[in-house]
Protein backbone atom coordinates (compact mmCIF):
# COMPACT_ATOMS: atom_id res chain seq x y z
CA MET A 1 -10.26 -35.50 6.88
CA PRO A 2 -6.38 -34.98 7.51
CA GLN A 3 -5.36 -31.80 9.46
CA LEU A 4 -4.03 -29.23 7.44
CA SER A 5 -0.12 -27.97 8.21
CA LYS A 6 0.56 -26.29 11.69
CA ARG A 7 2.80 -23.53 10.78
CA THR A 8 0.25 -21.05 9.93
CA GLU A 9 -1.71 -21.55 13.00
CA THR A 10 -0.95 -18.70 14.53
CA PHE A 11 -0.99 -16.55 10.76
CA THR A 12 -3.68 -14.33 10.22
CA ASP A 13 -3.73 -12.50 6.78
CA SER A 14 -1.55 -9.70 5.91
CA VAL A 15 -2.85 -6.96 8.52
CA ILE A 16 -1.02 -4.05 6.00
CA ARG A 17 -2.89 -5.38 2.88
CA ARG A 18 -6.12 -5.85 4.77
CA MET A 19 -5.78 -2.22 5.38
CA THR A 20 -5.70 -1.35 2.17
CA ARG A 21 -8.65 -3.45 1.63
CA ILE A 22 -10.47 -1.10 4.47
CA SER A 23 -9.48 1.62 2.94
CA LEU A 24 -10.75 1.02 -0.33
CA LYS A 25 -14.18 0.11 1.45
CA TYR A 26 -14.28 3.19 3.08
CA ASN A 27 -12.97 5.53 0.10
CA ALA A 28 -10.24 6.72 2.32
CA VAL A 29 -7.03 8.05 1.49
CA ASN A 30 -5.09 5.03 1.81
CA LEU A 31 -1.72 5.74 3.86
CA SER A 32 -1.65 2.34 4.64
CA GLN A 33 0.25 -0.21 2.18
CA GLY A 34 3.45 1.32 1.13
CA PHE A 35 2.95 2.06 -2.67
CA PRO A 36 3.55 5.40 -4.26
CA ASP A 37 0.46 7.17 -6.62
CA PHE A 38 2.67 8.57 -9.15
CA ASP A 39 4.22 6.84 -12.03
CA PRO A 40 7.50 5.40 -12.22
CA PRO A 41 10.34 7.10 -14.67
CA LYS A 42 8.89 7.80 -17.66
CA GLU A 43 12.41 5.98 -19.35
CA LEU A 44 10.98 2.45 -17.90
CA LEU A 45 7.43 3.10 -18.83
CA ASN A 46 8.76 3.87 -22.67
CA ARG A 47 10.98 1.10 -22.68
CA LEU A 48 8.09 -1.37 -21.47
CA ALA A 49 5.95 -0.13 -24.18
CA GLU A 50 8.55 -0.72 -26.63
CA VAL A 51 9.05 -4.50 -24.79
CA THR A 52 5.42 -5.39 -25.40
CA HIS A 53 6.35 -5.79 -29.03
CA GLU A 54 9.59 -7.58 -28.74
CA ASP A 55 10.67 -10.77 -28.10
CA PHE A 56 10.72 -11.20 -24.17
CA HIS A 57 7.77 -12.98 -23.47
CA GLN A 58 8.87 -16.64 -22.55
CA TYR A 59 10.83 -18.04 -19.75
CA SER A 60 14.31 -15.72 -19.11
CA ILE A 61 17.43 -17.37 -17.10
CA THR A 62 15.93 -18.63 -13.89
CA TRP A 63 18.03 -16.67 -11.85
CA GLY A 64 17.56 -13.77 -14.10
CA ALA A 65 18.05 -12.37 -17.56
CA GLN A 66 21.70 -11.82 -18.19
CA ASN A 67 21.25 -7.84 -19.10
CA PHE A 68 19.38 -7.32 -16.01
CA ARG A 69 21.89 -8.92 -14.15
CA GLU A 70 24.80 -7.35 -15.76
CA ALA A 71 23.31 -3.75 -15.18
CA LEU A 72 22.19 -4.60 -11.49
CA ALA A 73 25.77 -5.66 -10.87
CA GLU A 74 27.04 -2.23 -12.16
CA LYS A 75 24.84 -0.61 -10.49
CA GLN A 76 24.86 -2.21 -6.84
CA SER A 77 29.12 -2.47 -7.57
CA ARG A 78 29.30 1.20 -7.71
CA PHE A 79 26.99 1.75 -4.76
CA MET A 80 28.39 -0.70 -2.35
CA GLY A 81 32.29 -0.35 -3.53
CA ARG A 82 32.79 -3.61 -4.35
CA ARG A 83 32.71 -5.90 -7.72
CA ILE A 84 29.52 -7.89 -8.08
CA ASP A 85 29.88 -10.62 -10.25
CA PRO A 86 26.74 -10.78 -12.21
CA ASN A 87 26.97 -14.66 -13.05
CA GLY A 88 28.29 -15.85 -9.90
CA GLU A 89 26.87 -13.44 -6.77
CA ILE A 90 23.09 -12.30 -8.06
CA VAL A 91 19.68 -14.07 -7.95
CA VAL A 92 16.57 -12.13 -9.49
CA THR A 93 13.82 -12.98 -7.34
CA CYS A 94 10.01 -11.99 -7.82
CA GLY A 95 10.27 -8.91 -5.36
CA SER A 96 12.31 -8.53 -2.22
CA THR A 97 9.37 -10.85 -0.38
CA GLU A 98 10.68 -14.01 -2.41
CA ALA A 99 14.50 -12.92 -1.92
CA MET A 100 13.76 -12.86 1.73
CA MET A 101 12.06 -16.21 1.69
CA ALA A 102 14.68 -17.90 -0.46
CA ALA A 103 17.52 -16.59 1.37
CA MET A 104 16.14 -17.93 4.75
CA MET A 105 15.31 -21.35 3.29
CA THR A 106 18.97 -21.19 1.87
CA VAL A 107 20.55 -20.91 5.29
CA THR A 108 18.21 -22.10 7.88
CA ASN A 109 17.16 -25.92 8.83
CA PRO A 110 14.09 -26.62 10.48
CA GLY A 111 14.99 -26.05 14.61
CA ASP A 112 17.42 -22.87 13.87
CA LYS A 113 16.80 -19.96 15.88
CA VAL A 114 16.75 -16.62 13.79
CA VAL A 115 17.22 -13.13 15.50
CA VAL A 116 14.65 -10.31 14.30
CA PHE A 117 15.10 -6.72 15.81
CA SER A 118 10.97 -5.57 17.08
CA PRO A 119 9.36 -3.59 15.32
CA PHE A 120 9.90 -5.42 12.34
CA TYR A 121 8.00 -5.53 8.83
CA GLU A 122 5.03 -8.58 9.13
CA ASN A 123 7.07 -11.51 6.68
CA TYR A 124 9.81 -11.59 8.75
CA GLY A 125 8.34 -13.48 11.63
CA ALA A 126 6.45 -15.60 8.98
CA ASP A 127 9.16 -16.23 6.69
CA THR A 128 11.20 -17.59 9.83
CA ILE A 129 8.13 -19.90 10.80
CA LEU A 130 7.66 -21.23 7.36
CA SER A 131 11.27 -22.16 7.29
CA GLY A 132 10.77 -24.08 10.13
CA ALA A 133 13.10 -21.91 12.60
CA GLU A 134 12.14 -20.04 15.97
CA PRO A 135 12.36 -16.37 16.14
CA ILE A 136 14.20 -14.84 18.73
CA TYR A 137 13.14 -10.87 18.94
CA VAL A 138 15.33 -8.22 20.26
CA PRO A 139 13.38 -4.61 20.90
CA LEU A 140 14.33 -1.57 19.31
CA TYR A 141 13.70 1.35 21.90
CA PRO A 142 12.07 4.51 20.82
CA PRO A 143 12.20 7.45 19.85
CA ALA A 144 15.54 6.72 18.42
CA PHE A 145 15.17 2.78 17.92
CA ASN A 146 18.43 1.88 19.22
CA PHE A 147 19.07 -1.85 20.53
CA ASN A 148 20.81 -2.81 23.86
CA PRO A 149 24.24 -4.40 23.07
CA ASP A 150 23.62 -6.66 26.25
CA GLU A 151 20.21 -8.04 25.23
CA LEU A 152 21.40 -8.39 21.46
CA GLU A 153 24.27 -10.53 22.81
CA ALA A 154 21.87 -12.73 24.86
CA ALA A 155 20.07 -13.28 21.73
CA PHE A 156 23.06 -14.21 20.04
CA LYS A 157 24.18 -16.35 22.90
CA GLN A 158 21.72 -18.76 21.79
CA TYR A 159 23.52 -19.38 18.72
CA PRO A 160 20.99 -18.12 15.92
CA LYS A 161 21.75 -19.44 12.55
CA ALA A 162 20.65 -16.03 11.28
CA LEU A 163 19.99 -12.55 12.03
CA ILE A 164 17.34 -10.13 10.17
CA LEU A 165 18.76 -6.50 9.08
CA CYS A 166 15.97 -4.11 7.79
CA ASN A 167 18.16 -1.09 6.82
CA PRO A 168 16.71 1.28 6.56
CA SER A 169 13.93 -0.10 8.89
CA ASN A 170 10.07 -0.42 8.01
CA PRO A 171 8.18 0.47 10.21
CA CYS A 172 10.27 2.98 12.21
CA GLY A 173 12.42 4.70 9.58
CA LYS A 174 15.67 3.87 11.79
CA VAL A 175 19.10 4.17 10.02
CA PHE A 176 21.71 2.02 11.52
CA THR A 177 24.60 3.56 12.10
CA TYR A 178 28.19 2.45 11.46
CA ASP A 179 28.76 1.51 14.94
CA GLU A 180 25.29 -0.36 15.41
CA LEU A 181 26.48 -2.18 12.17
CA LYS A 182 29.80 -2.90 13.87
CA ILE A 183 28.22 -4.41 16.84
CA ILE A 184 26.35 -6.85 15.05
CA ALA A 185 28.68 -7.42 12.82
CA ASP A 186 31.07 -8.42 15.56
CA LEU A 187 28.58 -10.61 17.33
CA ALA A 188 27.93 -12.40 14.02
CA GLU A 189 31.22 -13.03 13.70
CA LYS A 190 31.73 -14.13 17.20
CA TYR A 191 28.48 -16.69 17.11
CA ASP A 192 29.23 -17.60 13.50
CA THR A 193 25.63 -16.36 12.28
CA PHE A 194 24.77 -15.39 9.16
CA VAL A 195 23.23 -11.93 8.54
CA ILE A 196 20.13 -11.28 5.92
CA THR A 197 19.59 -7.90 5.05
CA ASP A 198 16.84 -6.16 3.64
CA GLU A 199 18.00 -3.14 2.04
CA VAL A 200 14.98 -2.03 -0.12
CA TYR A 201 14.92 1.44 1.26
CA GLU A 202 18.83 1.58 0.69
CA HIS A 203 18.28 5.08 -1.46
CA ILE A 204 15.51 6.66 0.45
CA LEU A 205 17.72 8.66 3.29
CA TYR A 206 17.11 11.68 4.77
CA GLU A 207 20.54 14.11 6.16
CA PRO A 208 22.58 13.72 7.57
CA ASN A 209 22.04 10.17 7.32
CA LYS A 210 23.82 7.60 5.57
CA HIS A 211 23.23 4.09 4.29
CA VAL A 212 25.92 1.43 5.31
CA TYR A 213 25.79 -1.77 3.49
CA PHE A 214 26.21 -4.55 5.83
CA ALA A 215 28.23 -7.01 3.46
CA THR A 216 30.64 -3.87 3.11
CA LEU A 217 31.68 -4.28 6.74
CA PRO A 218 35.12 -5.75 7.17
CA GLY A 219 34.86 -9.73 7.40
CA MET A 220 31.05 -9.50 6.46
CA TRP A 221 30.75 -10.15 2.64
CA GLU A 222 31.08 -14.07 3.26
CA ARG A 223 28.30 -14.49 5.85
CA THR A 224 25.77 -11.75 4.78
CA ILE A 225 23.11 -12.24 2.18
CA SER A 226 21.59 -8.67 0.66
CA CYS A 227 18.25 -8.54 -0.40
CA SER A 228 16.45 -5.85 -1.67
CA SER A 229 13.85 -4.95 -4.47
CA LEU A 230 13.53 -2.06 -7.66
CA SER A 231 10.17 -1.26 -6.10
CA LYS A 232 10.89 1.72 -3.92
CA THR A 233 13.66 3.05 -5.62
CA TYR A 234 11.89 3.15 -9.34
CA SER A 235 7.99 3.38 -7.52
CA ILE A 236 7.76 -0.12 -9.75
CA THR A 237 6.17 -2.11 -6.44
CA GLY A 238 3.78 -4.13 -8.95
CA TRP A 239 6.59 -5.59 -11.14
CA ARG A 240 7.85 -7.64 -8.81
CA LEU A 241 11.73 -7.22 -9.38
CA GLY A 242 13.75 -8.48 -6.30
CA TYR A 243 17.14 -9.75 -6.04
CA ILE A 244 19.69 -11.57 -3.79
CA ILE A 245 23.21 -10.82 -3.85
CA ALA A 246 25.74 -13.11 -1.82
CA PRO A 247 29.03 -14.97 -2.50
CA PRO A 248 29.05 -17.71 -5.19
CA HIS A 249 28.60 -20.43 -2.31
CA ILE A 250 25.67 -19.29 -0.99
CA ILE A 251 24.19 -18.23 -4.73
CA GLU A 252 24.57 -21.46 -5.58
CA VAL A 253 21.82 -22.79 -3.09
CA ALA A 254 19.59 -19.61 -3.23
CA LYS A 255 19.25 -20.49 -6.97
CA LYS A 256 17.69 -23.74 -6.29
CA VAL A 257 15.40 -22.48 -3.71
CA HIS A 258 14.41 -19.88 -6.02
CA ASP A 259 14.08 -21.95 -8.82
CA PHE A 260 11.67 -24.62 -7.15
CA LEU A 261 9.63 -21.42 -5.28
CA THR A 262 8.91 -19.44 -8.44
CA VAL A 263 11.12 -20.64 -11.44
CA GLY A 264 11.97 -16.81 -12.49
CA ALA A 265 10.93 -13.10 -12.40
CA ALA A 266 9.30 -11.67 -15.12
CA ALA A 267 11.10 -11.39 -18.29
CA PRO A 268 9.37 -8.27 -19.82
CA LEU A 269 9.65 -6.69 -16.91
CA GLN A 270 13.30 -7.08 -16.60
CA GLU A 271 13.98 -5.77 -19.99
CA ALA A 272 12.32 -2.93 -19.22
CA ALA A 273 13.76 -2.38 -16.07
CA VAL A 274 16.83 -2.45 -17.47
CA VAL A 275 17.10 1.11 -18.28
CA GLY A 276 16.56 2.41 -14.67
CA LEU A 277 19.33 0.14 -13.39
CA ARG A 278 21.70 2.43 -16.38
CA PHE A 279 20.64 5.66 -14.60
CA PRO A 280 23.16 8.24 -13.29
CA ASP A 281 23.97 8.81 -9.79
CA ASP A 282 21.77 12.18 -10.17
CA TYR A 283 18.59 10.02 -10.42
CA TYR A 284 19.27 8.49 -6.68
CA ARG A 285 19.96 12.66 -5.52
CA GLN A 286 16.55 13.54 -6.70
CA LEU A 287 15.13 10.68 -5.49
CA GLN A 288 16.17 11.37 -2.33
CA ALA A 289 15.44 14.96 -2.44
CA LYS A 290 11.82 14.30 -3.38
CA TYR A 291 11.21 12.27 -0.66
CA THR A 292 12.88 14.57 1.85
CA GLU A 293 9.90 17.09 0.39
CA LYS A 294 7.43 14.87 0.83
CA ARG A 295 8.75 14.02 4.39
CA ASP A 296 8.69 17.65 5.44
CA LEU A 297 5.57 18.49 4.36
CA PHE A 298 4.08 15.58 5.96
CA LEU A 299 5.59 15.96 9.27
CA LYS A 300 4.60 19.75 9.06
CA GLY A 301 0.92 18.68 9.09
CA LEU A 302 1.13 16.56 11.63
CA ASP A 303 3.18 18.89 13.85
CA ASP A 304 0.21 21.59 13.07
CA ILE A 305 -2.74 19.15 13.82
CA GLY A 306 -0.28 18.33 17.23
CA ILE A 307 0.11 14.45 16.76
CA THR A 308 2.95 13.33 18.06
CA HIS A 309 5.05 11.18 15.80
CA THR A 310 8.40 9.82 15.22
CA ASN A 311 11.05 11.29 12.78
CA PRO A 312 12.23 8.95 10.18
CA GLN A 313 15.91 8.78 9.10
CA GLY A 314 15.00 6.89 6.34
CA ALA A 315 12.31 4.81 4.14
CA TYR A 316 9.12 6.75 4.16
CA TYR A 317 7.11 5.61 7.06
CA VAL A 318 5.72 7.25 10.08
CA LEU A 319 4.31 6.09 13.57
CA LEU A 320 1.76 8.46 15.18
CA ASP A 321 0.95 8.06 18.59
CA ILE A 322 -2.72 7.61 19.65
CA SER A 323 -2.72 7.14 23.19
CA GLU A 324 -4.65 10.23 23.83
CA PHE A 325 -7.52 8.83 21.71
CA GLY A 326 -8.21 5.57 24.56
CA PHE A 327 -8.49 2.59 22.70
CA SER A 328 -7.75 -0.40 23.80
CA SER A 329 -7.21 -1.81 19.97
CA ASP A 330 -5.08 -0.21 17.35
CA LEU A 331 -6.79 -2.15 15.00
CA GLU A 332 -10.16 -1.08 15.88
CA PHE A 333 -8.79 2.60 15.68
CA CYS A 334 -7.75 2.05 12.31
CA GLU A 335 -10.92 0.70 11.08
CA VAL A 336 -12.50 3.51 12.71
CA LEU A 337 -10.05 6.09 11.13
CA ALA A 338 -10.45 4.73 7.82
CA ARG A 339 -14.49 4.95 8.29
CA ASP A 340 -15.02 8.31 10.20
CA VAL A 341 -11.81 10.28 9.35
CA GLY A 342 -11.00 8.66 5.88
CA VAL A 343 -7.55 7.78 6.18
CA GLY A 344 -6.04 4.32 5.98
CA ALA A 345 -3.48 3.04 8.49
CA VAL A 346 -1.76 -0.23 9.92
CA PRO A 347 -1.94 -0.98 13.42
CA GLY A 348 1.32 -0.54 15.07
CA SER A 349 0.87 -4.34 16.92
CA SER A 350 1.39 -5.81 13.86
CA PHE A 351 4.95 -4.63 13.61
CA PHE A 352 5.72 -5.60 17.14
CA ARG A 353 6.70 -8.55 19.49
CA GLU A 354 5.82 -6.51 22.52
CA PRO A 355 2.05 -5.51 23.52
CA VAL A 356 2.01 -2.23 21.56
CA ASN A 357 -1.38 -1.00 20.94
CA HIS A 358 -0.70 3.02 20.92
CA LEU A 359 0.99 3.42 17.54
CA ILE A 360 -0.11 3.40 14.03
CA ARG A 361 2.13 3.58 10.79
CA LEU A 362 1.25 5.85 7.83
CA HIS A 363 3.49 6.24 4.87
CA PHE A 364 4.00 9.25 2.30
CA ALA A 365 5.13 8.01 -0.92
CA LYS A 366 2.45 10.01 -2.37
CA ARG A 367 1.61 13.07 -4.44
CA SER A 368 1.69 16.47 -2.12
CA ASP A 369 -1.80 17.23 -3.24
CA THR A 370 -2.70 13.39 -1.55
CA LEU A 371 -0.26 14.23 1.42
CA ASN A 372 -2.33 17.26 1.83
CA ASP A 373 -5.87 15.31 1.55
CA ALA A 374 -4.92 13.17 4.13
CA LEU A 375 -3.98 16.11 6.62
CA ASN A 376 -6.76 17.95 5.98
CA HIS A 377 -8.94 14.58 6.93
CA LEU A 378 -6.70 14.18 9.95
CA ALA A 379 -7.18 18.09 11.01
CA ASP A 380 -10.50 16.97 12.46
CA ILE A 381 -9.23 13.73 13.82
CA ARG A 382 -10.11 14.78 17.46
CA ASN A 383 -13.67 15.68 16.00
CA LYS A 384 -14.71 12.58 14.53
CA ILE A 385 -12.76 10.18 16.99
CA PRO A 386 -13.68 11.52 20.45
CA ALA A 387 -11.27 9.91 23.09
CA ARG A 388 -12.64 7.21 25.07
CA LYS A 389 -12.55 7.48 28.90
CA SER A 390 -10.75 4.77 30.65
CA VAL A 391 -12.37 2.52 33.05
CA ILE A 392 -10.97 1.77 36.32
């Protein structure tokens, strides 16, 4: 038999999704895969119920239904501070996962290089490899997860075709400052590089941090492919509604890539989501307040237990330091944690290029009673998982 593709030889299944299956196996509180356990806004659910009895059950326009693109353009124009053309500067995709893949295939050729900050969401490396490109990893240094400008320029000196920027960042919760983004922008201009942004957590930030859209920096609109989705903002991760915003000459290519990848996003869900895109600004202020309350509750609980952790500036993830338990494998630790403590987490090694095995990722996009339940389980962690003695 002929050999299968070599592209995926280094791949495993998604560790994040695997940990959800392990959580289900042991009936653990699932704080691994980042989806909420509370309902979307009732306005979206009410409209979805209406749409099931209306004529939205066939293909919409491949690159997104007209009214969806118009509502999205109106919202993003307001937040990005520049007019977005719904007809020439948007492609609607099947979640931000497809948006990132389509963006990568739009700008890279086999053999190109792509800069990826580490830690990173696990799909970025896979997207690069599936596109035939080669990732160049640049470390972010804890606890603030800052980058070294000299190390970043060393990566740019390899003349990469693109850089991937997740802001706010999954998994570390970093919000890049304007000055940090300006360093990236200056290097992108100097070395003639595209920047592909993943801004899915654009509305989940904690004071005093502010989100700066990379495309709005001076000179960056023409070389930025902005990717995001409705998943986190409206608690509809299963609807798989994402999008790319970029200049028309980039969008024309992205349309073709998207068309042959998935044809189009679900028409009924696009129609139902329009109402959410037209929410007033007060919705996003309330969203920020809600997640700030969840973050404060969860971090205080971890502090009370005495577990060392990061303090996210944005998104809804926290990294826990498990060094005290003496495990050489964070994956094994997460399996034991789900089985013996009853909490599902993701091993940090799945996010780092560096040999990091002492961190695990939890998320707090859950109801307060779910978070309290998880904290109650974690309170007994040292009894349930005794520290292993190091062997010399």
